[in-house]
């Protein structure tokens, strides 16, 4: 067995690790580090956090994130299909139309059932409960939008 054929793969892996690790170490070594209390304090969008970071989230927020990833990956199939449309012919065109129909039917089903009115109601309730929170900063008073 000749291992010389695997040298480009090993080189690719080493270069990839180097590109990821070397800048982190260079930044740690060369960057100025002057920590103080204000730099080390937690913040959220420029002002102090007003809730605990370990608060419970509704499961539906995770559902939205998973559905976004799912549909984002499915739309990734559209680019190669569009690029090779002339070579795949009518059979490829018809199979992609079927794929898109399934995609649309799944999207409509998920929008009606999984996300639907319940998610919008809970989101409205959540935003209304946060509207009464007032957070102060050294420079100004920030009120959460209603």
Protein backbone atom coordinates (compact mmCIF):
# COMPACT_ATOMS: atom_id res chain seq x y z
CA UNK A 1 0.00 0.00 0.00
CA UNK A 2 1.45 3.33 -1.09
CA UNK A 3 0.83 6.07 1.48
CA UNK A 4 2.25 8.79 -0.78
CA UNK A 5 -1.18 9.13 -2.37
CA UNK A 6 -2.58 10.35 0.97
CA UNK A 7 0.00 13.12 1.37
CA UNK A 8 -2.23 15.82 -0.23
CA UNK A 9 -5.03 14.91 2.18
CA UNK A 10 -2.68 15.14 5.16
CA UNK A 11 -1.34 18.44 3.87
CA UNK A 12 -4.89 19.78 3.44
CA UNK A 13 -5.78 18.79 7.03
CA UNK A 14 -2.60 20.37 8.44
CA UNK A 15 -3.11 23.62 6.52
CA UNK A 16 -6.75 23.75 7.67
CA UNK A 17 -5.75 23.28 11.30
CA UNK A 18 -3.00 25.86 10.90
CA UNK A 19 -5.35 28.44 9.39
CA UNK A 20 -7.71 27.94 12.33
CA UNK A 21 -5.24 27.75 15.21
CA UNK A 22 -2.34 30.05 14.29
CA UNK A 23 -4.40 33.30 14.15
CA UNK A 24 -5.86 32.55 17.59
CA UNK A 25 -2.41 32.17 19.13
CA UNK A 26 -1.07 35.22 17.31
CA UNK A 27 -4.01 37.28 18.56
CA UNK A 28 -3.49 36.06 22.12
CA UNK A 29 0.24 36.85 22.01
CA UNK A 30 0.23 40.15 20.08
CA UNK A 31 -3.04 41.78 21.20
CA UNK A 32 -2.96 44.29 24.05
CA UNK A 33 -4.69 43.00 27.16
CA UNK A 34 -5.82 45.55 29.72
CA UNK A 35 -8.87 44.06 31.46
CA UNK A 36 -10.86 46.19 33.87
CA UNK A 37 -14.22 45.85 35.59
CA UNK A 38 -16.19 47.45 32.77
CA UNK A 39 -14.63 45.27 30.06
CA UNK A 40 -15.24 42.10 32.05
CA UNK A 41 -18.87 42.91 32.91
CA UNK A 42 -21.65 41.12 30.99
CA UNK A 43 -23.60 43.17 28.50
CA UNK A 44 -26.39 42.66 26.03
CA UNK A 45 -26.54 44.85 22.92
CA UNK A 46 -24.60 47.64 24.55
CA UNK A 47 -26.35 47.73 27.92
CA UNK A 48 -26.40 45.60 31.04
CA UNK A 49 -28.34 42.35 30.87
CA UNK A 50 -31.73 42.55 32.59
CA UNK A 51 -32.49 38.82 32.86
CA UNK A 52 -30.67 35.68 33.86
CA UNK A 53 -28.85 33.94 31.00
CA UNK A 54 -30.13 30.57 32.24
CA UNK A 55 -33.81 31.42 31.91
CA UNK A 56 -36.10 28.85 30.35
CA UNK A 57 -37.00 29.25 26.69
CA UNK A 58 -40.12 28.00 25.05
CA UNK A 59 -39.47 24.89 22.96
CA UNK A 60 -41.09 26.55 19.97
CA UNK A 61 -38.11 28.91 19.61
CA UNK A 62 -35.87 25.88 19.11
CA UNK A 63 -38.41 24.50 16.65
CA UNK A 64 -38.15 27.68 14.61
CA UNK A 65 -34.34 27.40 14.56
CA UNK A 66 -34.42 23.75 13.49
CA UNK A 67 -36.98 24.48 10.78
CA UNK A 68 -34.87 27.36 9.51
CA UNK A 69 -31.84 25.09 9.19
CA UNK A 70 -33.91 22.38 7.52
CA UNK A 71 -35.41 24.67 4.89
CA UNK A 72 -32.12 26.48 4.40
CA UNK A 73 -30.41 23.20 3.56
CA UNK A 74 -33.22 22.20 1.22
CA UNK A 75 -32.91 25.43 -0.70
CA UNK A 76 -29.20 24.66 -1.15
CA UNK A 77 -30.28 22.02 -3.67
CA UNK A 78 -31.69 24.72 -5.94
CA UNK A 79 -28.32 26.17 -6.96
CA UNK A 80 -26.77 23.04 -8.50
CA UNK A 81 -30.08 22.28 -10.17
CA UNK A 82 -30.14 25.72 -11.76
CA UNK A 83 -26.53 25.45 -12.91
CA UNK A 84 -26.96 22.04 -14.54
CA UNK A 85 -30.48 22.54 -15.88
CA UNK A 86 -29.46 22.20 -19.55
CA UNK A 87 -27.58 18.93 -18.97
CA UNK A 88 -30.21 17.14 -16.86
CA UNK A 89 -33.01 17.53 -19.38
CA UNK A 90 -36.73 17.15 -18.81
CA UNK A 91 -36.38 14.27 -16.36
CA UNK A 92 -34.24 16.40 -14.04
CA UNK A 93 -36.61 19.32 -14.47
CA UNK A 94 -39.63 17.18 -13.58
CA UNK A 95 -37.90 15.67 -10.54
CA UNK A 96 -37.00 19.14 -9.27
CA UNK A 97 -40.57 20.35 -9.77
CA UNK A 98 -41.75 17.41 -7.65
CA UNK A 99 -39.11 18.31 -5.04
CA UNK A 100 -40.28 21.93 -4.99
CA UNK A 101 -43.92 20.89 -4.65
CA UNK A 102 -43.03 18.68 -1.67
CA UNK A 103 -41.00 21.55 -0.27
CA UNK A 104 -43.91 23.99 -0.55
CA UNK A 105 -46.45 21.52 0.87
CA UNK A 106 -44.13 20.83 3.85
CA UNK A 107 -43.56 24.53 4.42
CA UNK A 108 -47.28 25.32 4.38
CA UNK A 109 -48.02 22.38 6.71
CA UNK A 110 -45.35 23.44 9.20
CA UNK A 111 -46.47 27.06 9.04
CA UNK A 112 -50.07 26.10 9.78
CA UNK A 113 -49.47 23.39 12.39
CA UNK A 114 -46.15 23.81 14.14
CA UNK A 115 -45.65 27.56 14.10
CA UNK A 116 -49.14 28.91 13.55
CA UNK A 117 -51.22 30.99 15.88
CA UNK A 118 -49.95 29.48 19.13
CA UNK A 119 -46.39 30.64 18.51
CA UNK A 120 -47.52 34.13 17.59
CA UNK A 121 -49.70 34.35 20.71
CA UNK A 122 -46.87 33.22 23.00
CA UNK A 123 -44.47 35.65 21.34
CA UNK A 124 -46.90 38.52 21.80
CA UNK A 125 -47.34 37.56 25.46
CA UNK A 126 -43.54 37.37 25.93
CA UNK A 127 -42.93 40.76 24.35
CA UNK A 128 -45.68 42.34 26.46
CA UNK A 129 -44.17 40.96 29.66
CA UNK A 130 -40.74 42.37 28.73
CA UNK A 131 -42.12 45.82 27.87
CA UNK A 132 -42.32 46.82 31.51
CA UNK A 133 -38.62 46.19 32.15
CA UNK A 134 -36.51 49.32 32.35
CA UNK A 135 -32.76 48.98 32.18
CA UNK A 136 -30.45 51.80 33.17
CA UNK A 137 -27.07 52.51 31.77
CA UNK A 138 -24.54 55.12 32.85
CA UNK A 139 -25.41 57.28 29.85
CA UNK A 140 -29.17 56.85 29.41
CA UNK A 141 -32.33 55.02 30.38
CA UNK A 142 -33.45 52.34 27.93
CA UNK A 143 -37.00 51.05 27.89
CA UNK A 144 -37.81 47.83 26.07
CA UNK A 145 -40.20 48.44 23.16
CA UNK A 146 -43.87 47.54 23.52
